[in-house]
Amino acid sequence: MIAVEAPLVLRFGSRKFRCTIGRSGFIPAEVKCEGDGASPTGSWRLWRVLYRADRVSPPCSHLPLDRLAPGDGWCDAPDNPAYNRKIRFPFAASAEHLWREDHVYDYIGILSHNGDPVTPGAGSAIFLHLARPDWAATEGCVAIAQDSFEHILAHAPANCRVVIGPGP
């Protein structure tokens, strides 16, 4: 299990890693809304990991892995049937580009928040990803350093969960 708590620390086993969360802080998952900038509290399965093979080596991991490609995206349009799912550009509805110029999405851990079933408008693209160099807040995700992500990938079991919450 991985736990994210305040102060902003991600726990993995006995190790602690610096992290950052959404610009609006923590919010109960049941009131999470698309675009609110908050990280939803709860225990989320780490379903799979996407990675940029042109920038990072394929990670050694027990988690399911997929290579990112130019044109990959994630639908954030609540009224679209592909909401909170990976898509390919060109795409008619609103969607986030996963193939980015910065390094934030060199690794993306897809969390199970609003994943099965998907509720339109309840939040999309809640990921574990790489932090910006200045540790700026995210749009609702949890972000960590690349070496921390690689350590977690190498040691996390296939049924790993990420716990997001304000902690004790």
N, C-alpha and C. Protein backbone atom coordinates (compact mmCIF):
# COMPACT_ATOMS: atom_id res chain seq x y z
N MET A 1 0.84 -1.18 0.00
CA MET A 1 0.00 0.00 0.00
C MET A 1 0.88 1.24 0.00
N ILE A 2 0.41 2.25 -0.69
CA ILE A 2 1.05 3.55 -0.74
C ILE A 2 0.09 4.53 -0.09
N ALA A 3 0.57 5.39 0.80
CA ALA A 3 -0.31 6.36 1.46
C ALA A 3 0.23 7.77 1.25
N VAL A 4 -0.66 8.69 0.89
CA VAL A 4 -0.32 10.10 0.73
C VAL A 4 -1.00 10.85 1.88
N GLU A 5 -0.21 11.59 2.64
CA GLU A 5 -0.71 12.26 3.83
C GLU A 5 -0.18 13.69 3.89
N ALA A 6 -0.79 14.48 4.75
CA ALA A 6 -0.26 15.81 5.05
C ALA A 6 0.61 15.68 6.30
N PRO A 7 1.76 16.33 6.46
CA PRO A 7 2.37 17.12 5.41
C PRO A 7 2.65 16.25 4.20
N LEU A 8 2.89 16.85 3.06
CA LEU A 8 2.89 16.12 1.80
C LEU A 8 4.01 15.10 1.71
N VAL A 9 3.65 13.89 2.14
CA VAL A 9 4.56 12.75 2.14
C VAL A 9 3.82 11.55 1.57
N LEU A 10 4.46 10.84 0.67
CA LEU A 10 3.91 9.60 0.15
C LEU A 10 4.63 8.48 0.87
N ARG A 11 3.88 7.61 1.52
CA ARG A 11 4.45 6.46 2.23
C ARG A 11 4.34 5.23 1.35
N PHE A 12 5.44 4.48 1.31
CA PHE A 12 5.46 3.20 0.60
C PHE A 12 6.27 2.25 1.46
N GLY A 13 5.57 1.32 2.11
CA GLY A 13 6.25 0.46 3.08
C GLY A 13 6.82 1.32 4.19
N SER A 14 8.10 1.13 4.48
CA SER A 14 8.75 1.91 5.53
C SER A 14 9.38 3.20 5.00
N ARG A 15 9.32 3.41 3.68
CA ARG A 15 9.94 4.59 3.08
C ARG A 15 8.94 5.73 2.95
N LYS A 16 9.47 6.95 2.98
CA LYS A 16 8.67 8.15 2.78
C LYS A 16 9.28 8.93 1.62
N PHE A 17 8.40 9.46 0.76
CA PHE A 17 8.85 10.24 -0.38
C PHE A 17 8.10 11.57 -0.40
N ARG A 18 8.79 12.62 -0.78
CA ARG A 18 8.15 13.92 -0.95
C ARG A 18 7.14 13.81 -2.10
N CYS A 19 6.01 14.51 -1.96
CA CYS A 19 5.02 14.54 -3.02
C CYS A 19 4.30 15.88 -3.02
N THR A 20 3.50 16.09 -4.03
CA THR A 20 2.61 17.24 -4.10
C THR A 20 1.26 16.74 -4.58
N ILE A 21 0.21 17.51 -4.25
CA ILE A 21 -1.15 17.11 -4.60
C ILE A 21 -1.84 18.25 -5.34
N GLY A 22 -3.14 18.13 -5.52
CA GLY A 22 -3.92 19.13 -6.24
C GLY A 22 -3.86 20.51 -5.61
N ARG A 23 -3.96 21.52 -6.45
CA ARG A 23 -3.88 22.92 -6.01
C ARG A 23 -4.96 23.28 -5.00
N SER A 24 -6.06 22.52 -4.98
CA SER A 24 -7.15 22.78 -4.03
C SER A 24 -7.09 21.88 -2.81
N GLY A 25 -6.02 21.10 -2.67
CA GLY A 25 -5.85 20.23 -1.51
C GLY A 25 -6.63 18.93 -1.64
N PHE A 26 -6.96 18.35 -0.49
CA PHE A 26 -7.73 17.11 -0.45
C PHE A 26 -9.22 17.41 -0.48
N ILE A 27 -10.01 16.49 -1.05
CA ILE A 27 -11.47 16.60 -1.06
C ILE A 27 -12.05 15.19 -0.95
N PRO A 28 -13.15 15.03 -0.21
CA PRO A 28 -13.77 13.70 -0.18
C PRO A 28 -14.16 13.25 -1.60
N ALA A 29 -13.87 12.02 -1.93
CA ALA A 29 -14.13 11.51 -3.28
C ALA A 29 -15.58 11.68 -3.71
N GLU A 30 -16.50 11.56 -2.76
CA GLU A 30 -17.92 11.62 -3.12
C GLU A 30 -18.38 13.02 -3.55
N VAL A 31 -17.57 14.05 -3.31
CA VAL A 31 -17.92 15.40 -3.77
C VAL A 31 -16.94 15.93 -4.81
N LYS A 32 -16.01 15.10 -5.25
CA LYS A 32 -15.04 15.48 -6.28
C LYS A 32 -15.78 15.83 -7.57
N CYS A 33 -15.39 16.94 -8.21
CA CYS A 33 -15.99 17.38 -9.47
C CYS A 33 -14.90 17.64 -10.49
N GLU A 34 -15.24 17.45 -11.74
CA GLU A 34 -14.32 17.72 -12.84
C GLU A 34 -13.82 19.16 -12.75
N GLY A 35 -12.50 19.34 -12.79
CA GLY A 35 -11.90 20.66 -12.84
C GLY A 35 -11.75 21.38 -11.52
N ASP A 36 -12.06 20.72 -10.38
CA ASP A 36 -11.96 21.41 -9.09
C ASP A 36 -10.54 21.53 -8.55
N GLY A 37 -9.58 20.83 -9.15
CA GLY A 37 -8.18 20.94 -8.74
C GLY A 37 -7.85 20.25 -7.44
N ALA A 38 -8.75 19.40 -6.95
CA ALA A 38 -8.54 18.72 -5.67
C ALA A 38 -8.17 17.26 -5.88
N SER A 39 -7.42 16.72 -4.93
CA SER A 39 -7.06 15.30 -4.93
C SER A 39 -8.10 14.55 -4.11
N PRO A 40 -8.75 13.54 -4.70
CA PRO A 40 -9.82 12.83 -4.00
C PRO A 40 -9.29 11.88 -2.93
N THR A 41 -9.83 11.99 -1.72
CA THR A 41 -9.42 11.09 -0.64
C THR A 41 -10.01 9.71 -0.89
N GLY A 42 -9.26 8.71 -0.48
CA GLY A 42 -9.72 7.33 -0.63
C GLY A 42 -8.57 6.40 -0.90
N SER A 43 -8.90 5.15 -1.09
CA SER A 43 -7.92 4.11 -1.41
C SER A 43 -8.15 3.70 -2.86
N TRP A 44 -7.18 3.97 -3.70
CA TRP A 44 -7.33 3.76 -5.14
C TRP A 44 -6.34 2.73 -5.63
N ARG A 45 -6.82 1.79 -6.41
CA ARG A 45 -5.93 0.80 -7.00
C ARG A 45 -5.07 1.47 -8.06
N LEU A 46 -3.80 1.09 -8.10
CA LEU A 46 -2.88 1.55 -9.15
C LEU A 46 -3.04 0.55 -10.30
N TRP A 47 -3.92 0.89 -11.25
CA TRP A 47 -4.33 -0.05 -12.30
C TRP A 47 -3.24 -0.42 -13.28
N ARG A 48 -2.56 0.59 -13.78
CA ARG A 48 -1.53 0.36 -14.78
C ARG A 48 -0.61 1.57 -14.85
N VAL A 49 0.51 1.40 -15.50
CA VAL A 49 1.48 2.48 -15.64
C VAL A 49 1.76 2.71 -17.11
N LEU A 50 1.67 3.96 -17.53
CA LEU A 50 2.04 4.38 -18.88
C LEU A 50 3.41 5.03 -18.78
N TYR A 51 4.23 4.88 -19.84
CA TYR A 51 5.56 5.48 -19.78
C TYR A 51 6.01 5.90 -21.17
N ARG A 52 6.90 6.91 -21.20
CA ARG A 52 7.49 7.44 -22.43
C ARG A 52 8.76 6.67 -22.73
N ALA A 53 8.70 5.71 -23.60
CA ALA A 53 9.86 4.87 -23.92
C ALA A 53 10.97 5.65 -24.62
N ASP A 54 10.66 6.82 -25.17
CA ASP A 54 11.69 7.65 -25.80
C ASP A 54 12.48 8.44 -24.75
N ARG A 55 12.00 8.44 -23.49
CA ARG A 55 12.67 9.21 -22.43
C ARG A 55 13.12 8.36 -21.26
N VAL A 56 12.38 7.30 -20.94
CA VAL A 56 12.71 6.44 -19.81
C VAL A 56 12.74 4.99 -20.27
N SER A 57 13.53 4.19 -19.59
CA SER A 57 13.58 2.76 -19.91
C SER A 57 12.30 2.09 -19.47
N PRO A 58 11.92 1.01 -20.14
CA PRO A 58 10.74 0.28 -19.65
C PRO A 58 10.98 -0.13 -18.20
N PRO A 59 10.08 0.24 -17.31
CA PRO A 59 10.32 -0.05 -15.90
C PRO A 59 10.18 -1.52 -15.58
N CYS A 60 10.96 -1.95 -14.61
CA CYS A 60 10.82 -3.29 -14.06
C CYS A 60 9.71 -3.19 -13.02
N SER A 61 8.60 -3.89 -13.25
CA SER A 61 7.46 -3.74 -12.36
C SER A 61 6.53 -4.95 -12.46
N HIS A 62 5.79 -5.20 -11.37
CA HIS A 62 4.73 -6.21 -11.36
C HIS A 62 3.41 -5.63 -11.85
N LEU A 63 3.37 -4.30 -12.02
CA LEU A 63 2.17 -3.63 -12.49
C LEU A 63 2.06 -3.72 -14.00
N PRO A 64 0.84 -3.73 -14.54
CA PRO A 64 0.69 -3.71 -16.00
C PRO A 64 1.28 -2.42 -16.58
N LEU A 65 2.00 -2.54 -17.69
CA LEU A 65 2.70 -1.42 -18.31
C LEU A 65 2.25 -1.23 -19.75
N ASP A 66 2.16 0.04 -20.18
CA ASP A 66 1.88 0.38 -21.58
C ASP A 66 2.76 1.54 -21.98
N ARG A 67 3.28 1.49 -23.22
CA ARG A 67 4.05 2.60 -23.76
C ARG A 67 3.11 3.69 -24.23
N LEU A 68 3.48 4.93 -23.94
CA LEU A 68 2.75 6.07 -24.49
C LEU A 68 3.22 6.31 -25.91
N ALA A 69 2.35 6.92 -26.71
CA ALA A 69 2.68 7.27 -28.09
C ALA A 69 2.18 8.67 -28.37
N PRO A 70 2.82 9.34 -29.35
CA PRO A 70 2.29 10.64 -29.75
C PRO A 70 0.82 10.44 -30.15
N GLY A 71 -0.01 11.38 -29.76
CA GLY A 71 -1.43 11.26 -30.07
C GLY A 71 -2.25 10.63 -28.97
N ASP A 72 -1.61 10.13 -27.90
CA ASP A 72 -2.36 9.59 -26.77
C ASP A 72 -2.93 10.73 -25.94
N GLY A 73 -4.12 10.53 -25.44
CA GLY A 73 -4.76 11.53 -24.60
C GLY A 73 -5.69 10.88 -23.59
N TRP A 74 -6.34 11.73 -22.78
CA TRP A 74 -7.27 11.25 -21.75
C TRP A 74 -8.49 12.16 -21.78
N CYS A 75 -9.66 11.58 -22.02
CA CYS A 75 -10.89 12.35 -22.16
C CYS A 75 -11.32 12.95 -20.83
N ASP A 76 -11.56 14.28 -20.83
CA ASP A 76 -12.05 14.96 -19.63
C ASP A 76 -13.39 15.66 -19.88
N ALA A 77 -14.10 15.22 -20.91
CA ALA A 77 -15.41 15.78 -21.25
C ALA A 77 -16.50 14.90 -20.65
N PRO A 78 -17.16 15.36 -19.57
CA PRO A 78 -18.14 14.52 -18.88
C PRO A 78 -19.28 14.01 -19.75
N ASP A 79 -19.62 14.72 -20.82
CA ASP A 79 -20.73 14.31 -21.66
C ASP A 79 -20.31 13.35 -22.78
N ASN A 80 -19.05 12.96 -22.82
CA ASN A 80 -18.55 12.06 -23.86
C ASN A 80 -18.51 10.62 -23.33
N PRO A 81 -18.88 9.64 -24.16
CA PRO A 81 -18.83 8.24 -23.70
C PRO A 81 -17.42 7.76 -23.30
N ALA A 82 -16.37 8.44 -23.77
CA ALA A 82 -14.99 8.07 -23.43
C ALA A 82 -14.48 8.78 -22.18
N TYR A 83 -15.38 9.48 -21.46
CA TYR A 83 -14.97 10.22 -20.27
C TYR A 83 -14.15 9.35 -19.32
N ASN A 84 -13.05 9.93 -18.85
CA ASN A 84 -12.09 9.30 -17.93
C ASN A 84 -11.50 8.02 -18.52
N ARG A 85 -11.21 8.05 -19.80
CA ARG A 85 -10.58 6.94 -20.50
C ARG A 85 -9.49 7.47 -21.43
N LYS A 86 -8.53 6.60 -21.72
CA LYS A 86 -7.47 6.93 -22.68
C LYS A 86 -8.10 7.00 -24.07
N ILE A 87 -7.66 8.00 -24.84
CA ILE A 87 -8.16 8.20 -26.21
C ILE A 87 -6.98 8.46 -27.14
N ARG A 88 -7.27 8.59 -28.43
CA ARG A 88 -6.26 8.97 -29.42
C ARG A 88 -6.71 10.25 -30.10
N PHE A 89 -5.76 11.16 -30.29
CA PHE A 89 -6.03 12.38 -31.06
C PHE A 89 -5.82 12.08 -32.54
N PRO A 90 -6.56 12.73 -33.43
CA PRO A 90 -7.54 13.77 -33.16
C PRO A 90 -8.78 13.20 -32.46
N PHE A 91 -9.35 14.03 -31.59
CA PHE A 91 -10.50 13.65 -30.78
C PHE A 91 -11.41 14.87 -30.69
N ALA A 92 -12.68 14.68 -30.96
CA ALA A 92 -13.61 15.81 -31.07
C ALA A 92 -13.92 16.49 -29.73
N ALA A 93 -13.91 15.74 -28.64
CA ALA A 93 -14.27 16.31 -27.34
C ALA A 93 -13.01 16.79 -26.60
N SER A 94 -13.21 17.40 -25.44
CA SER A 94 -12.11 17.88 -24.62
C SER A 94 -11.31 16.69 -24.08
N ALA A 95 -9.99 16.79 -24.18
CA ALA A 95 -9.11 15.73 -23.70
C ALA A 95 -7.73 16.30 -23.42
N GLU A 96 -7.06 15.70 -22.47
CA GLU A 96 -5.71 16.10 -22.09
C GLU A 96 -4.69 15.32 -22.91
N HIS A 97 -3.66 16.01 -23.38
CA HIS A 97 -2.57 15.35 -24.10
C HIS A 97 -1.65 14.65 -23.10
N LEU A 98 -1.38 13.38 -23.32
CA LEU A 98 -0.47 12.62 -22.45
C LEU A 98 0.97 12.69 -22.93
N TRP A 99 1.18 12.94 -24.20
CA TRP A 99 2.51 13.08 -24.79
C TRP A 99 2.88 14.55 -24.68
N ARG A 100 3.63 14.92 -23.64
CA ARG A 100 3.89 16.31 -23.30
C ARG A 100 5.33 16.70 -23.52
N GLU A 101 5.54 18.02 -23.68
CA GLU A 101 6.89 18.55 -23.82
C GLU A 101 7.67 18.46 -22.51
N ASP A 102 6.98 18.72 -21.39
CA ASP A 102 7.67 18.61 -20.10
C ASP A 102 7.77 17.13 -19.72
N HIS A 103 8.32 16.83 -18.57
CA HIS A 103 8.56 15.45 -18.17
C HIS A 103 7.53 14.91 -17.17
N VAL A 104 6.50 15.68 -16.89
CA VAL A 104 5.51 15.31 -15.88
C VAL A 104 4.87 13.95 -16.16
N TYR A 105 4.63 13.64 -17.44
CA TYR A 105 3.98 12.37 -17.81
C TYR A 105 4.96 11.36 -18.40
N ASP A 106 6.24 11.45 -18.06
CA ASP A 106 7.16 10.39 -18.50
C ASP A 106 6.75 9.05 -17.89
N TYR A 107 6.21 9.10 -16.67
CA TYR A 107 5.55 7.95 -16.04
C TYR A 107 4.18 8.43 -15.58
N ILE A 108 3.15 7.62 -15.82
CA ILE A 108 1.81 7.92 -15.34
C ILE A 108 1.24 6.65 -14.71
N GLY A 109 0.91 6.73 -13.44
CA GLY A 109 0.21 5.64 -12.78
C GLY A 109 -1.28 5.95 -12.80
N ILE A 110 -2.06 5.13 -13.46
CA ILE A 110 -3.50 5.37 -13.56
C ILE A 110 -4.17 4.83 -12.30
N LEU A 111 -4.83 5.73 -11.56
CA LEU A 111 -5.52 5.35 -10.33
C LEU A 111 -6.98 5.03 -10.63
N SER A 112 -7.57 4.20 -9.80
CA SER A 112 -8.93 3.71 -10.04
C SER A 112 -10.03 4.70 -9.69
N HIS A 113 -9.69 5.90 -9.21
CA HIS A 113 -10.74 6.89 -8.89
C HIS A 113 -11.66 7.08 -10.10
N ASN A 114 -12.96 6.97 -9.88
CA ASN A 114 -13.99 7.15 -10.90
C ASN A 114 -13.74 6.28 -12.13
N GLY A 115 -13.29 5.04 -11.88
CA GLY A 115 -12.94 4.19 -13.00
C GLY A 115 -13.92 3.08 -13.32
N ASP A 116 -14.59 2.54 -12.34
CA ASP A 116 -15.47 1.41 -12.61
C ASP A 116 -16.56 1.33 -11.54
N PRO A 117 -17.72 1.88 -11.81
CA PRO A 117 -18.13 2.53 -13.07
C PRO A 117 -17.68 3.99 -13.10
N VAL A 118 -17.67 4.56 -14.29
CA VAL A 118 -17.35 5.96 -14.47
C VAL A 118 -18.62 6.78 -14.27
N THR A 119 -18.52 7.81 -13.43
CA THR A 119 -19.63 8.74 -13.21
C THR A 119 -19.28 10.05 -13.90
N PRO A 120 -20.04 10.46 -14.92
CA PRO A 120 -19.74 11.71 -15.62
C PRO A 120 -19.65 12.90 -14.65
N GLY A 121 -18.56 13.65 -14.75
CA GLY A 121 -18.36 14.85 -13.95
C GLY A 121 -17.72 14.63 -12.60
N ALA A 122 -17.47 13.37 -12.21
CA ALA A 122 -16.93 13.07 -10.88
C ALA A 122 -15.41 13.10 -10.82
N GLY A 123 -14.78 13.61 -11.86
CA GLY A 123 -13.32 13.73 -11.88
C GLY A 123 -12.69 12.74 -12.82
N SER A 124 -11.73 13.23 -13.59
CA SER A 124 -11.02 12.37 -14.55
C SER A 124 -9.52 12.58 -14.42
N ALA A 125 -8.78 11.64 -14.98
CA ALA A 125 -7.32 11.75 -15.07
C ALA A 125 -6.67 11.97 -13.70
N ILE A 126 -7.10 11.20 -12.70
CA ILE A 126 -6.44 11.25 -11.39
C ILE A 126 -5.29 10.25 -11.46
N PHE A 127 -4.09 10.77 -11.56
CA PHE A 127 -2.89 9.97 -11.80
C PHE A 127 -1.88 10.13 -10.66
N LEU A 128 -0.95 9.18 -10.60
CA LEU A 128 0.31 9.33 -9.89
C LEU A 128 1.30 9.62 -11.01
N HIS A 129 1.96 10.77 -10.97
CA HIS A 129 2.89 11.13 -12.04
C HIS A 129 4.11 11.85 -11.48
N LEU A 130 4.98 12.31 -12.35
CA LEU A 130 6.21 12.97 -11.91
C LEU A 130 5.95 14.43 -11.54
N ALA A 131 6.66 14.88 -10.52
CA ALA A 131 6.53 16.26 -10.05
C ALA A 131 7.27 17.22 -10.99
N ARG A 132 6.80 18.43 -11.03
CA ARG A 132 7.51 19.49 -11.76
C ARG A 132 8.76 19.84 -10.96
N PRO A 133 9.77 20.41 -11.62
CA PRO A 133 11.00 20.76 -10.90
C PRO A 133 10.77 21.67 -9.69
N ASP A 134 9.75 22.54 -9.76
CA ASP A 134 9.48 23.46 -8.64
C ASP A 134 8.46 22.89 -7.64
N TRP A 135 8.04 21.65 -7.82
CA TRP A 135 7.08 20.97 -6.95
C TRP A 135 5.74 21.71 -6.91
N ALA A 136 5.36 22.33 -8.01
CA ALA A 136 4.07 23.02 -8.08
C ALA A 136 2.93 22.03 -7.89
N ALA A 137 1.82 22.52 -7.38
CA ALA A 137 0.64 21.69 -7.19
C ALA A 137 0.14 21.15 -8.53
N THR A 138 -0.61 20.08 -8.45
CA THR A 138 -1.17 19.43 -9.63
C THR A 138 -2.61 19.91 -9.84
N GLU A 139 -3.28 19.32 -10.82
CA GLU A 139 -4.70 19.61 -11.07
C GLU A 139 -5.61 18.65 -10.29
N GLY A 140 -5.02 17.81 -9.43
CA GLY A 140 -5.79 16.85 -8.64
C GLY A 140 -5.07 15.53 -8.48
N CYS A 141 -3.96 15.39 -9.16
CA CYS A 141 -3.15 14.17 -9.10
C CYS A 141 -2.20 14.21 -7.90
N VAL A 142 -1.43 13.13 -7.76
CA VAL A 142 -0.32 13.07 -6.80
C VAL A 142 0.95 12.99 -7.63
N ALA A 143 1.93 13.84 -7.33
CA ALA A 143 3.17 13.88 -8.10
C ALA A 143 4.37 13.64 -7.18
N ILE A 144 5.32 12.87 -7.70
CA ILE A 144 6.53 12.51 -6.95
C ILE A 144 7.75 12.62 -7.87
N ALA A 145 8.94 12.53 -7.29
CA ALA A 145 10.18 12.57 -8.05
C ALA A 145 10.35 11.29 -8.87
N GLN A 146 11.11 11.38 -9.95
CA GLN A 146 11.30 10.23 -10.83
C GLN A 146 11.94 9.06 -10.10
N ASP A 147 12.98 9.30 -9.29
CA ASP A 147 13.62 8.18 -8.60
C ASP A 147 12.67 7.53 -7.60
N SER A 148 11.78 8.29 -7.00
CA SER A 148 10.76 7.73 -6.10
C SER A 148 9.79 6.85 -6.88
N PHE A 149 9.35 7.34 -8.04
CA PHE A 149 8.43 6.58 -8.87
C PHE A 149 9.07 5.26 -9.30
N GLU A 150 10.33 5.32 -9.71
CA GLU A 150 11.03 4.11 -10.16
C GLU A 150 11.19 3.11 -9.02
N HIS A 151 11.44 3.59 -7.80
CA HIS A 151 11.54 2.70 -6.64
C HIS A 151 10.19 2.01 -6.41
N ILE A 152 9.12 2.77 -6.44
CA ILE A 152 7.80 2.20 -6.24
C ILE A 152 7.48 1.18 -7.33
N LEU A 153 7.75 1.51 -8.58
CA LEU A 153 7.48 0.58 -9.68
C LEU A 153 8.22 -0.74 -9.49
N ALA A 154 9.45 -0.66 -9.04
CA ALA A 154 10.26 -1.87 -8.88
C ALA A 154 9.79 -2.75 -7.73
N HIS A 155 9.07 -2.18 -6.75
CA HIS A 155 8.73 -2.93 -5.54
C HIS A 155 7.23 -3.11 -5.30
N ALA A 156 6.38 -2.43 -6.04
CA ALA A 156 4.93 -2.50 -5.80
C ALA A 156 4.35 -3.81 -6.32
N PRO A 157 3.47 -4.43 -5.53
CA PRO A 157 2.79 -5.63 -6.01
C PRO A 157 1.73 -5.27 -7.05
N ALA A 158 1.29 -6.26 -7.81
CA ALA A 158 0.30 -6.02 -8.88
C ALA A 158 -1.01 -5.44 -8.34
N ASN A 159 -1.35 -5.71 -7.10
CA ASN A 159 -2.61 -5.21 -6.53
C ASN A 159 -2.39 -3.97 -5.65
N CYS A 160 -1.36 -3.21 -5.93
CA CYS A 160 -0.99 -2.04 -5.14
C CYS A 160 -2.12 -1.00 -5.10
N ARG A 161 -2.26 -0.37 -3.95
CA ARG A 161 -3.25 0.70 -3.77
C ARG A 161 -2.55 1.97 -3.32
N VAL A 162 -3.09 3.11 -3.74
CA VAL A 162 -2.62 4.42 -3.32
C VAL A 162 -3.70 5.01 -2.42
N VAL A 163 -3.33 5.35 -1.20
CA VAL A 163 -4.27 5.94 -0.24
C VAL A 163 -4.01 7.43 -0.21
N ILE A 164 -5.03 8.22 -0.55
CA ILE A 164 -4.91 9.68 -0.56
C ILE A 164 -5.78 10.21 0.57
N GLY A 165 -5.19 11.01 1.43
CA GLY A 165 -5.96 11.60 2.53
C GLY A 165 -5.11 12.51 3.38
N PRO A 166 -5.76 13.29 4.23
CA PRO A 166 -5.02 14.25 5.05
C PRO A 166 -4.19 13.63 6.16
N GLY A 167 -4.31 12.34 6.40
CA GLY A 167 -3.51 11.68 7.42
C GLY A 167 -3.97 12.02 8.82
N PRO A 168 -3.15 11.61 9.80
CA PRO A 168 -3.54 11.82 11.20
C PRO A 168 -3.53 13.29 11.61
